[in-house]
Amino acid sequence: MANALNILISGFGGQGVLFAGKFLVYLGLVKGRQVSWLPSYGPEMRGGTASVSVIISDEPVGSPIVSKPNLLIAMNLPSIDRYEDACVPGATVICDSSLIPRKLNRTDVRALYIPASTLAEENGLKGLANMIIAGLAARETELEDLDYALKKTVPEKKAHLFGANKTALELGFNYGRQSHD
């Protein structure tokens, strides 16, 4: 894994972008890394644009703003249109292919397409596409202590949602690992 993960997660407000960012921060904390979480959203929040900058580093974090991500998670088409060109060469870009009908224009980044919204719907996990993508991101970044991070992220008043979130994470973590015999 690189010295620092500069992660940008973007989507519509209400897609759980900020929650997914908090989850990734806790994955970094369990590994003893330095972390930063900085949300950004439009005044209308739900339905407007929301993004979060997450930094997971071996060194103290100087600025919490991610302007050149080496991991981009795009939850909708406006997000990929806006941030694709901001990625550093060699970055990983994870797209919810259920909501992003096009492939990336760049060839110098690693693109991972996962139909997260469709998988969530098909598995009775409506509203948890964010955690399906977070599971894939955890696998790709080798930050794999999902249970600990999820326990820290899901508030006590929503403890009844722990199981559904865990199922969503595992769907994303294992996506594409099935045998294609």
N, C-alpha and C. Protein backbone atom coordinates (compact mmCIF):
# COMPACT_ATOMS: atom_id res chain seq x y z
N MET A 1 0.85 -1.17 0.00
CA MET A 1 0.00 0.00 0.00
C MET A 1 0.89 1.23 0.00
N ALA A 2 0.44 2.27 -0.66
CA ALA A 2 1.18 3.53 -0.75
C ALA A 2 1.34 4.14 0.63
N ASN A 3 2.26 5.07 0.75
CA ASN A 3 2.52 5.79 2.00
C ASN A 3 1.27 6.51 2.49
N ALA A 4 0.51 7.07 1.58
CA ALA A 4 -0.73 7.76 1.95
C ALA A 4 -1.82 7.45 0.95
N LEU A 5 -2.99 7.20 1.48
CA LEU A 5 -4.18 7.06 0.64
C LEU A 5 -4.90 8.39 0.67
N ASN A 6 -5.04 8.99 -0.48
CA ASN A 6 -5.79 10.23 -0.61
C ASN A 6 -7.08 9.87 -1.32
N ILE A 7 -8.15 9.73 -0.53
CA ILE A 7 -9.41 9.20 -1.02
C ILE A 7 -10.43 10.32 -1.16
N LEU A 8 -11.12 10.33 -2.27
CA LEU A 8 -12.24 11.24 -2.47
C LEU A 8 -13.45 10.38 -2.79
N ILE A 9 -14.52 10.55 -2.01
CA ILE A 9 -15.77 9.84 -2.23
C ILE A 9 -16.80 10.90 -2.58
N SER A 10 -17.53 10.69 -3.67
CA SER A 10 -18.49 11.70 -4.11
C SER A 10 -19.76 11.05 -4.64
N GLY A 11 -20.88 11.74 -4.41
CA GLY A 11 -22.18 11.27 -4.89
C GLY A 11 -23.25 12.28 -4.54
N PHE A 12 -24.49 11.86 -4.64
CA PHE A 12 -25.60 12.70 -4.23
C PHE A 12 -25.74 12.64 -2.71
N GLY A 13 -26.18 13.73 -2.11
CA GLY A 13 -26.52 13.70 -0.70
C GLY A 13 -27.59 12.64 -0.48
N GLY A 14 -27.47 11.88 0.60
CA GLY A 14 -28.41 10.81 0.87
C GLY A 14 -27.91 9.44 0.42
N GLN A 15 -26.79 9.39 -0.31
CA GLN A 15 -26.22 8.11 -0.75
C GLN A 15 -25.29 7.50 0.30
N GLY A 16 -25.06 8.19 1.40
CA GLY A 16 -24.19 7.66 2.44
C GLY A 16 -22.72 7.88 2.19
N VAL A 17 -22.40 8.91 1.42
CA VAL A 17 -21.00 9.22 1.10
C VAL A 17 -20.20 9.51 2.36
N LEU A 18 -20.73 10.34 3.25
CA LEU A 18 -20.00 10.72 4.46
C LEU A 18 -19.84 9.51 5.39
N PHE A 19 -20.87 8.68 5.48
CA PHE A 19 -20.82 7.48 6.31
C PHE A 19 -19.73 6.53 5.80
N ALA A 20 -19.66 6.33 4.49
CA ALA A 20 -18.62 5.47 3.90
C ALA A 20 -17.24 6.02 4.22
N GLY A 21 -17.11 7.35 4.17
CA GLY A 21 -15.83 7.97 4.52
C GLY A 21 -15.44 7.71 5.96
N LYS A 22 -16.39 7.82 6.88
CA LYS A 22 -16.11 7.54 8.30
C LYS A 22 -15.67 6.09 8.47
N PHE A 23 -16.33 5.19 7.77
CA PHE A 23 -15.96 3.78 7.84
C PHE A 23 -14.50 3.59 7.41
N LEU A 24 -14.10 4.19 6.29
CA LEU A 24 -12.72 4.05 5.81
C LEU A 24 -11.73 4.66 6.79
N VAL A 25 -12.10 5.76 7.44
CA VAL A 25 -11.22 6.37 8.45
C VAL A 25 -10.98 5.38 9.59
N TYR A 26 -12.02 4.72 10.06
CA TYR A 26 -11.84 3.74 11.14
C TYR A 26 -11.00 2.56 10.69
N LEU A 27 -11.08 2.18 9.42
CA LEU A 27 -10.19 1.13 8.92
C LEU A 27 -8.74 1.56 9.06
N GLY A 28 -8.47 2.83 8.77
CA GLY A 28 -7.11 3.35 8.93
C GLY A 28 -6.68 3.40 10.39
N LEU A 29 -7.58 3.82 11.27
CA LEU A 29 -7.27 3.91 12.70
C LEU A 29 -6.89 2.56 13.29
N VAL A 30 -7.61 1.51 12.91
CA VAL A 30 -7.32 0.19 13.46
C VAL A 30 -5.92 -0.28 13.04
N LYS A 31 -5.43 0.23 11.93
CA LYS A 31 -4.07 -0.11 11.47
C LYS A 31 -3.02 0.83 12.07
N GLY A 32 -3.45 1.75 12.95
CA GLY A 32 -2.50 2.66 13.58
C GLY A 32 -2.04 3.79 12.68
N ARG A 33 -2.81 4.10 11.66
CA ARG A 33 -2.43 5.14 10.70
C ARG A 33 -2.94 6.50 11.15
N GLN A 34 -2.38 7.55 10.61
CA GLN A 34 -2.87 8.92 10.79
C GLN A 34 -4.04 9.10 9.84
N VAL A 35 -5.11 9.76 10.28
CA VAL A 35 -6.29 9.88 9.44
C VAL A 35 -6.87 11.28 9.47
N SER A 36 -7.64 11.57 8.44
CA SER A 36 -8.38 12.84 8.34
C SER A 36 -9.66 12.55 7.57
N TRP A 37 -10.74 13.25 7.97
CA TRP A 37 -12.06 13.10 7.35
C TRP A 37 -12.65 14.50 7.23
N LEU A 38 -12.89 14.95 6.00
CA LEU A 38 -13.41 16.30 5.79
C LEU A 38 -14.58 16.25 4.82
N PRO A 39 -15.81 16.43 5.33
CA PRO A 39 -16.99 16.40 4.46
C PRO A 39 -17.19 17.71 3.72
N SER A 40 -17.87 17.63 2.60
CA SER A 40 -18.24 18.81 1.83
C SER A 40 -19.57 18.51 1.16
N TYR A 41 -20.54 19.38 1.34
CA TYR A 41 -21.83 19.15 0.71
C TYR A 41 -22.52 20.47 0.45
N GLY A 42 -23.40 20.44 -0.56
CA GLY A 42 -24.16 21.62 -0.92
C GLY A 42 -25.20 21.94 0.14
N PRO A 43 -25.77 23.13 0.12
CA PRO A 43 -26.70 23.54 1.16
C PRO A 43 -27.96 22.69 1.21
N GLU A 44 -28.32 22.06 0.11
CA GLU A 44 -29.53 21.24 0.11
C GLU A 44 -29.29 19.83 0.64
N MET A 45 -28.03 19.44 0.88
CA MET A 45 -27.60 18.13 1.34
C MET A 45 -28.28 16.98 0.61
N ARG A 46 -29.39 16.45 1.12
CA ARG A 46 -30.02 15.28 0.50
C ARG A 46 -30.44 15.63 -0.92
N GLY A 47 -29.87 14.92 -1.89
CA GLY A 47 -30.18 15.17 -3.29
C GLY A 47 -29.17 16.08 -3.96
N GLY A 48 -28.45 16.89 -3.18
CA GLY A 48 -27.41 17.75 -3.73
C GLY A 48 -26.10 16.97 -3.80
N THR A 49 -25.03 17.63 -4.18
CA THR A 49 -23.74 16.97 -4.27
C THR A 49 -23.11 16.88 -2.88
N ALA A 50 -22.58 15.72 -2.58
CA ALA A 50 -21.86 15.50 -1.33
C ALA A 50 -20.55 14.81 -1.64
N SER A 51 -19.51 15.20 -0.94
CA SER A 51 -18.23 14.52 -1.09
C SER A 51 -17.51 14.54 0.25
N VAL A 52 -16.55 13.67 0.37
CA VAL A 52 -15.73 13.63 1.58
C VAL A 52 -14.30 13.30 1.18
N SER A 53 -13.38 14.05 1.78
CA SER A 53 -11.95 13.78 1.62
C SER A 53 -11.51 12.93 2.81
N VAL A 54 -10.87 11.81 2.52
CA VAL A 54 -10.35 10.93 3.55
C VAL A 54 -8.87 10.71 3.25
N ILE A 55 -8.06 10.93 4.27
CA ILE A 55 -6.62 10.67 4.12
C ILE A 55 -6.23 9.65 5.18
N ILE A 56 -5.53 8.62 4.75
CA ILE A 56 -5.00 7.59 5.63
C ILE A 56 -3.50 7.53 5.33
N SER A 57 -2.68 7.87 6.33
CA SER A 57 -1.27 8.07 6.05
C SER A 57 -0.38 7.51 7.16
N ASP A 58 0.87 7.22 6.81
CA ASP A 58 1.87 6.84 7.80
C ASP A 58 2.42 8.08 8.51
N GLU A 59 2.26 9.22 7.92
CA GLU A 59 2.78 10.49 8.45
C GLU A 59 1.62 11.36 8.93
N PRO A 60 1.88 12.34 9.79
CA PRO A 60 0.82 13.28 10.17
C PRO A 60 0.23 13.94 8.92
N VAL A 61 -1.07 14.17 8.94
CA VAL A 61 -1.78 14.76 7.81
C VAL A 61 -1.64 16.27 7.87
N GLY A 62 -1.06 16.87 6.82
CA GLY A 62 -0.86 18.31 6.79
C GLY A 62 -2.12 19.07 6.45
N SER A 63 -2.79 18.66 5.40
CA SER A 63 -4.03 19.30 4.98
C SER A 63 -5.09 18.22 4.77
N PRO A 64 -6.30 18.45 5.27
CA PRO A 64 -7.33 17.42 5.13
C PRO A 64 -8.03 17.41 3.77
N ILE A 65 -7.65 18.27 2.88
CA ILE A 65 -8.32 18.38 1.59
C ILE A 65 -7.65 17.46 0.57
N VAL A 66 -8.43 16.65 -0.09
CA VAL A 66 -7.92 15.78 -1.16
C VAL A 66 -8.30 16.43 -2.49
N SER A 67 -7.30 16.97 -3.17
CA SER A 67 -7.56 17.57 -4.48
C SER A 67 -7.04 16.67 -5.61
N LYS A 68 -6.12 15.78 -5.30
CA LYS A 68 -5.55 14.84 -6.27
C LYS A 68 -5.64 13.43 -5.70
N PRO A 69 -6.83 12.81 -5.80
CA PRO A 69 -6.99 11.49 -5.17
C PRO A 69 -6.20 10.39 -5.86
N ASN A 70 -5.72 9.43 -5.03
CA ASN A 70 -5.17 8.21 -5.60
C ASN A 70 -6.19 7.07 -5.45
N LEU A 71 -7.33 7.38 -4.81
CA LEU A 71 -8.50 6.50 -4.80
C LEU A 71 -9.73 7.39 -4.90
N LEU A 72 -10.47 7.23 -5.98
CA LEU A 72 -11.72 7.97 -6.18
C LEU A 72 -12.86 6.98 -6.15
N ILE A 73 -13.87 7.28 -5.33
CA ILE A 73 -15.10 6.50 -5.31
C ILE A 73 -16.19 7.41 -5.83
N ALA A 74 -16.74 7.06 -6.99
CA ALA A 74 -17.78 7.87 -7.63
C ALA A 74 -19.10 7.10 -7.55
N MET A 75 -20.08 7.72 -6.89
CA MET A 75 -21.37 7.08 -6.68
C MET A 75 -22.40 7.48 -7.72
N ASN A 76 -22.06 8.46 -8.59
CA ASN A 76 -23.01 8.89 -9.63
C ASN A 76 -22.25 9.54 -10.78
N LEU A 77 -22.95 9.77 -11.89
CA LEU A 77 -22.33 10.32 -13.09
C LEU A 77 -21.74 11.72 -12.88
N PRO A 78 -22.44 12.66 -12.22
CA PRO A 78 -21.82 13.97 -12.01
C PRO A 78 -20.49 13.89 -11.25
N SER A 79 -20.35 12.92 -10.37
CA SER A 79 -19.11 12.78 -9.61
C SER A 79 -17.95 12.34 -10.51
N ILE A 80 -18.19 11.38 -11.38
CA ILE A 80 -17.12 10.93 -12.26
C ILE A 80 -16.79 12.03 -13.28
N ASP A 81 -17.81 12.73 -13.77
CA ASP A 81 -17.58 13.83 -14.70
C ASP A 81 -16.72 14.91 -14.04
N ARG A 82 -16.95 15.17 -12.78
CA ARG A 82 -16.24 16.25 -12.09
C ARG A 82 -14.83 15.87 -11.64
N TYR A 83 -14.64 14.63 -11.16
CA TYR A 83 -13.38 14.29 -10.49
C TYR A 83 -12.46 13.34 -11.24
N GLU A 84 -12.89 12.76 -12.35
CA GLU A 84 -12.04 11.82 -13.07
C GLU A 84 -10.68 12.42 -13.41
N ASP A 85 -10.68 13.64 -13.92
CA ASP A 85 -9.42 14.27 -14.33
C ASP A 85 -8.55 14.70 -13.16
N ALA A 86 -9.11 14.77 -11.95
CA ALA A 86 -8.33 15.19 -10.78
C ALA A 86 -7.44 14.07 -10.25
N CYS A 87 -7.74 12.82 -10.60
CA CYS A 87 -6.99 11.68 -10.09
C CYS A 87 -5.54 11.70 -10.57
N VAL A 88 -4.64 11.27 -9.70
CA VAL A 88 -3.25 11.14 -10.09
C VAL A 88 -3.10 9.94 -11.03
N PRO A 89 -2.13 9.96 -11.93
CA PRO A 89 -1.89 8.77 -12.76
C PRO A 89 -1.63 7.57 -11.86
N GLY A 90 -2.21 6.43 -12.22
CA GLY A 90 -2.05 5.23 -11.41
C GLY A 90 -3.10 5.09 -10.31
N ALA A 91 -3.98 6.06 -10.18
CA ALA A 91 -5.03 6.00 -9.17
C ALA A 91 -5.99 4.85 -9.44
N THR A 92 -6.72 4.46 -8.41
CA THR A 92 -7.81 3.50 -8.56
C THR A 92 -9.11 4.30 -8.51
N VAL A 93 -10.00 4.02 -9.45
CA VAL A 93 -11.30 4.68 -9.51
C VAL A 93 -12.37 3.60 -9.41
N ILE A 94 -13.20 3.69 -8.36
CA ILE A 94 -14.30 2.74 -8.18
C ILE A 94 -15.59 3.47 -8.54
N CYS A 95 -16.34 2.90 -9.48
CA CYS A 95 -17.57 3.50 -9.97
C CYS A 95 -18.77 2.60 -9.67
N ASP A 96 -19.88 3.23 -9.24
CA ASP A 96 -21.14 2.50 -9.15
C ASP A 96 -21.70 2.43 -10.57
N SER A 97 -21.46 1.31 -11.24
CA SER A 97 -21.85 1.19 -12.64
C SER A 97 -23.36 1.11 -12.83
N SER A 98 -24.12 0.98 -11.75
CA SER A 98 -25.58 1.06 -11.85
C SER A 98 -26.03 2.47 -12.19
N LEU A 99 -25.26 3.46 -11.75
CA LEU A 99 -25.63 4.87 -11.91
C LEU A 99 -24.70 5.64 -12.83
N ILE A 100 -23.62 5.01 -13.26
CA ILE A 100 -22.65 5.66 -14.16
C ILE A 100 -22.63 4.86 -15.45
N PRO A 101 -23.31 5.36 -16.48
CA PRO A 101 -23.50 4.58 -17.71
C PRO A 101 -22.29 4.57 -18.66
N ARG A 102 -21.21 5.22 -18.29
CA ARG A 102 -20.07 5.26 -19.20
C ARG A 102 -18.81 4.71 -18.53
N LYS A 103 -17.85 4.36 -19.37
CA LYS A 103 -16.53 3.95 -18.88
C LYS A 103 -15.68 5.20 -18.72
N LEU A 104 -14.59 5.07 -17.98
CA LEU A 104 -13.68 6.21 -17.79
C LEU A 104 -13.04 6.60 -19.12
N ASN A 105 -12.73 7.87 -19.23
CA ASN A 105 -12.04 8.38 -20.41
C ASN A 105 -10.53 8.16 -20.31
N ARG A 106 -10.02 8.00 -19.10
CA ARG A 106 -8.58 7.88 -18.88
C ARG A 106 -8.13 6.43 -18.95
N THR A 107 -6.89 6.26 -19.44
CA THR A 107 -6.31 4.93 -19.49
C THR A 107 -5.14 4.78 -18.52
N ASP A 108 -4.80 5.87 -17.82
CA ASP A 108 -3.67 5.83 -16.89
C ASP A 108 -4.12 5.64 -15.44
N VAL A 109 -5.38 5.22 -15.24
CA VAL A 109 -5.89 4.90 -13.92
C VAL A 109 -6.51 3.50 -13.96
N ARG A 110 -6.64 2.89 -12.83
CA ARG A 110 -7.25 1.56 -12.72
C ARG A 110 -8.74 1.74 -12.41
N ALA A 111 -9.59 1.29 -13.30
CA ALA A 111 -11.03 1.45 -13.14
C ALA A 111 -11.65 0.15 -12.65
N LEU A 112 -12.47 0.27 -11.60
CA LEU A 112 -13.23 -0.86 -11.08
C LEU A 112 -14.70 -0.48 -11.15
N TYR A 113 -15.47 -1.27 -11.86
CA TYR A 113 -16.90 -1.00 -12.02
C TYR A 113 -17.67 -2.04 -11.20
N ILE A 114 -18.52 -1.57 -10.32
CA ILE A 114 -19.34 -2.45 -9.50
C ILE A 114 -20.77 -1.92 -9.51
N PRO A 115 -21.75 -2.75 -9.85
CA PRO A 115 -23.14 -2.28 -9.88
C PRO A 115 -23.72 -2.23 -8.46
N ALA A 116 -23.17 -1.36 -7.63
CA ALA A 116 -23.47 -1.34 -6.20
C ALA A 116 -24.95 -1.09 -5.91
N SER A 117 -25.55 -0.13 -6.60
CA SER A 117 -26.97 0.17 -6.34
C SER A 117 -27.86 -1.01 -6.72
N THR A 118 -27.55 -1.68 -7.82
CA THR A 118 -28.30 -2.85 -8.24
C THR A 118 -28.10 -4.00 -7.26
N LEU A 119 -26.86 -4.23 -6.84
CA LEU A 119 -26.58 -5.29 -5.86
C LEU A 119 -27.33 -5.03 -4.56
N ALA A 120 -27.35 -3.78 -4.12
CA ALA A 120 -28.05 -3.43 -2.89
C ALA A 120 -29.54 -3.76 -3.02
N GLU A 121 -30.12 -3.35 -4.12
CA GLU A 121 -31.55 -3.59 -4.36
C GLU A 121 -31.85 -5.09 -4.42
N GLU A 122 -31.05 -5.83 -5.17
CA GLU A 122 -31.27 -7.27 -5.36
C GLU A 122 -31.10 -8.07 -4.07
N ASN A 123 -30.33 -7.56 -3.14
CA ASN A 123 -30.05 -8.28 -1.90
C ASN A 123 -30.80 -7.73 -0.69
N GLY A 124 -31.82 -6.92 -0.95
CA GLY A 124 -32.61 -6.38 0.15
C GLY A 124 -31.85 -5.40 1.02
N LEU A 125 -30.89 -4.71 0.42
CA LEU A 125 -30.03 -3.78 1.15
C LEU A 125 -30.19 -2.36 0.61
N LYS A 126 -31.42 -1.98 0.33
CA LYS A 126 -31.70 -0.66 -0.24
C LYS A 126 -31.03 0.43 0.59
N GLY A 127 -30.34 1.33 -0.10
CA GLY A 127 -29.65 2.42 0.58
C GLY A 127 -28.26 2.07 1.05
N LEU A 128 -27.77 0.87 0.76
CA LEU A 128 -26.44 0.48 1.24
C LEU A 128 -25.43 0.26 0.12
N ALA A 129 -25.67 0.87 -1.04
CA ALA A 129 -24.68 0.81 -2.12
C ALA A 129 -23.35 1.39 -1.64
N ASN A 130 -23.42 2.41 -0.78
CA ASN A 130 -22.20 3.02 -0.24
C ASN A 130 -21.33 2.00 0.49
N MET A 131 -21.96 1.10 1.24
CA MET A 131 -21.19 0.13 2.00
C MET A 131 -20.70 -1.02 1.13
N ILE A 132 -21.42 -1.31 0.07
CA ILE A 132 -20.94 -2.30 -0.90
C ILE A 132 -19.65 -1.77 -1.52
N ILE A 133 -19.66 -0.52 -1.92
CA ILE A 133 -18.45 0.09 -2.51
C ILE A 133 -17.35 0.20 -1.46
N ALA A 134 -17.71 0.53 -0.22
CA ALA A 134 -16.70 0.62 0.86
C ALA A 134 -16.04 -0.73 1.08
N GLY A 135 -16.80 -1.81 0.95
CA GLY A 135 -16.21 -3.14 1.08
C GLY A 135 -15.18 -3.42 0.00
N LEU A 136 -15.49 -3.05 -1.23
CA LEU A 136 -14.53 -3.21 -2.32
C LEU A 136 -13.30 -2.33 -2.08
N ALA A 137 -13.52 -1.10 -1.62
CA ALA A 137 -12.40 -0.20 -1.33
C ALA A 137 -11.52 -0.77 -0.22
N ALA A 138 -12.12 -1.39 0.79
CA ALA A 138 -11.35 -2.00 1.88
C ALA A 138 -10.44 -3.09 1.35
N ARG A 139 -10.98 -3.93 0.46
CA ARG A 139 -10.17 -5.00 -0.13
C ARG A 139 -9.03 -4.43 -0.97
N GLU A 140 -9.34 -3.44 -1.77
CA GLU A 140 -8.34 -2.86 -2.68
C GLU A 140 -7.23 -2.12 -1.94
N THR A 141 -7.52 -1.60 -0.76
CA THR A 141 -6.51 -0.85 0.00
C THR A 141 -5.86 -1.69 1.08
N GLU A 142 -6.28 -2.96 1.19
CA GLU A 142 -5.75 -3.88 2.19
C GLU A 142 -6.02 -3.39 3.62
N LEU A 143 -7.09 -2.64 3.80
CA LEU A 143 -7.55 -2.22 5.12
C LEU A 143 -8.76 -3.08 5.44
N GLU A 144 -8.53 -4.25 6.02
CA GLU A 144 -9.53 -5.29 6.00
C GLU A 144 -10.20 -5.61 7.34
N ASP A 145 -10.06 -4.82 8.39
CA ASP A 145 -10.70 -5.13 9.67
C ASP A 145 -12.11 -4.55 9.69
N LEU A 146 -12.99 -5.17 8.89
CA LEU A 146 -14.32 -4.64 8.64
C LEU A 146 -15.18 -4.56 9.90
N ASP A 147 -15.18 -5.60 10.73
CA ASP A 147 -16.05 -5.63 11.90
C ASP A 147 -15.74 -4.49 12.87
N TYR A 148 -14.46 -4.31 13.17
CA TYR A 148 -14.08 -3.26 14.12
C TYR A 148 -14.52 -1.89 13.60
N ALA A 149 -14.19 -1.61 12.37
CA ALA A 149 -14.52 -0.30 11.80
C ALA A 149 -16.03 -0.10 11.74
N LEU A 150 -16.76 -1.15 11.40
CA LEU A 150 -18.21 -1.03 11.33
C LEU A 150 -18.82 -0.78 12.71
N LYS A 151 -18.31 -1.46 13.73
CA LYS A 151 -18.80 -1.23 15.09
C LYS A 151 -18.57 0.22 15.52
N LYS A 152 -17.47 0.80 15.10
CA LYS A 152 -17.17 2.18 15.45
C LYS A 152 -18.01 3.17 14.63
N THR A 153 -18.42 2.78 13.44
CA THR A 153 -19.12 3.68 12.53
C THR A 153 -20.62 3.70 12.76
N VAL A 154 -21.21 2.54 13.00
CA VAL A 154 -22.67 2.47 13.19
C VAL A 154 -22.99 2.96 14.60
N PRO A 155 -23.76 4.04 14.73
CA PRO A 155 -24.08 4.56 16.06
C PRO A 155 -24.96 3.59 16.84
N GLU A 156 -24.87 3.65 18.17
CA GLU A 156 -25.63 2.73 19.03
C GLU A 156 -27.12 2.77 18.75
N LYS A 157 -27.65 3.96 18.47
CA LYS A 157 -29.09 4.07 18.22
C LYS A 157 -29.51 3.38 16.91
N LYS A 158 -28.54 3.04 16.07
CA LYS A 158 -28.84 2.33 14.82
C LYS A 158 -28.18 0.95 14.79
N ALA A 159 -27.92 0.39 15.97
CA ALA A 159 -27.26 -0.91 16.07
C ALA A 159 -28.02 -2.00 15.31
N HIS A 160 -29.33 -1.85 15.18
CA HIS A 160 -30.13 -2.83 14.44
C HIS A 160 -29.76 -2.90 12.95
N LEU A 161 -29.02 -1.91 12.46
CA LEU A 161 -28.61 -1.89 11.06
C LEU A 161 -27.22 -2.51 10.84
N PHE A 162 -26.58 -2.95 11.93
CA PHE A 162 -25.23 -3.49 11.83
C PHE A 162 -25.18 -4.68 10.86
N GLY A 163 -26.10 -5.63 11.00
CA GLY A 163 -26.08 -6.83 10.17
C GLY A 163 -26.22 -6.52 8.69
N ALA A 164 -27.14 -5.62 8.33
CA ALA A 164 -27.31 -5.26 6.92
C ALA A 164 -26.06 -4.57 6.38
N ASN A 165 -25.46 -3.69 7.18
CA ASN A 165 -24.22 -3.02 6.76
C ASN A 165 -23.10 -4.03 6.58
N LYS A 166 -23.01 -5.01 7.48
CA LYS A 166 -21.96 -6.02 7.37
C LYS A 166 -22.15 -6.86 6.10
N THR A 167 -23.41 -7.23 5.82
CA THR A 167 -23.70 -7.99 4.61
C THR A 167 -23.30 -7.18 3.37
N ALA A 168 -23.61 -5.88 3.36
CA ALA A 168 -23.26 -5.02 2.23
C ALA A 168 -21.74 -4.95 2.07
N LEU A 169 -21.02 -4.78 3.16
CA LEU A 169 -19.55 -4.72 3.10
C LEU A 169 -18.99 -6.02 2.51
N GLU A 170 -19.52 -7.14 2.97
CA GLU A 170 -19.01 -8.43 2.48
C GLU A 170 -19.32 -8.63 1.00
N LEU A 171 -20.48 -8.15 0.54
CA LEU A 171 -20.80 -8.23 -0.89
C LEU A 171 -19.75 -7.49 -1.71
N GLY A 172 -19.41 -6.28 -1.29
CA GLY A 172 -18.41 -5.50 -2.01
C GLY A 172 -17.02 -6.08 -1.89
N PHE A 173 -16.66 -6.53 -0.69
CA PHE A 173 -15.33 -7.10 -0.45
C PHE A 173 -15.10 -8.32 -1.34
N ASN A 174 -16.12 -9.12 -1.52
CA ASN A 174 -15.99 -10.36 -2.29
C ASN A 174 -16.37 -10.21 -3.76
N TYR A 175 -16.80 -9.01 -4.17
CA TYR A 175 -17.24 -8.81 -5.55
C TYR A 175 -16.12 -9.12 -6.53
N GLY A 176 -16.44 -9.94 -7.53
CA GLY A 176 -15.45 -10.27 -8.56
C GLY A 176 -14.53 -11.40 -8.19
N ARG A 177 -14.65 -11.92 -6.98
CA ARG A 177 -13.78 -13.02 -6.54
C ARG A 177 -14.35 -14.38 -6.89
N GLN A 178 -15.60 -14.43 -7.35
CA GLN A 178 -16.22 -15.70 -7.67
C GLN A 178 -15.51 -16.34 -8.86
N SER A 179 -15.52 -17.64 -8.85
CA SER A 179 -14.91 -18.40 -9.95
C SER A 179 -15.73 -18.21 -11.22
N HIS A 180 -15.08 -18.11 -12.34
CA HIS A 180 -15.75 -17.93 -13.63
C HIS A 180 -15.57 -19.17 -14.50
N ASP A 181 -15.67 -20.35 -13.88
CA ASP A 181 -15.49 -21.62 -14.63
C ASP A 181 -16.63 -21.88 -15.56
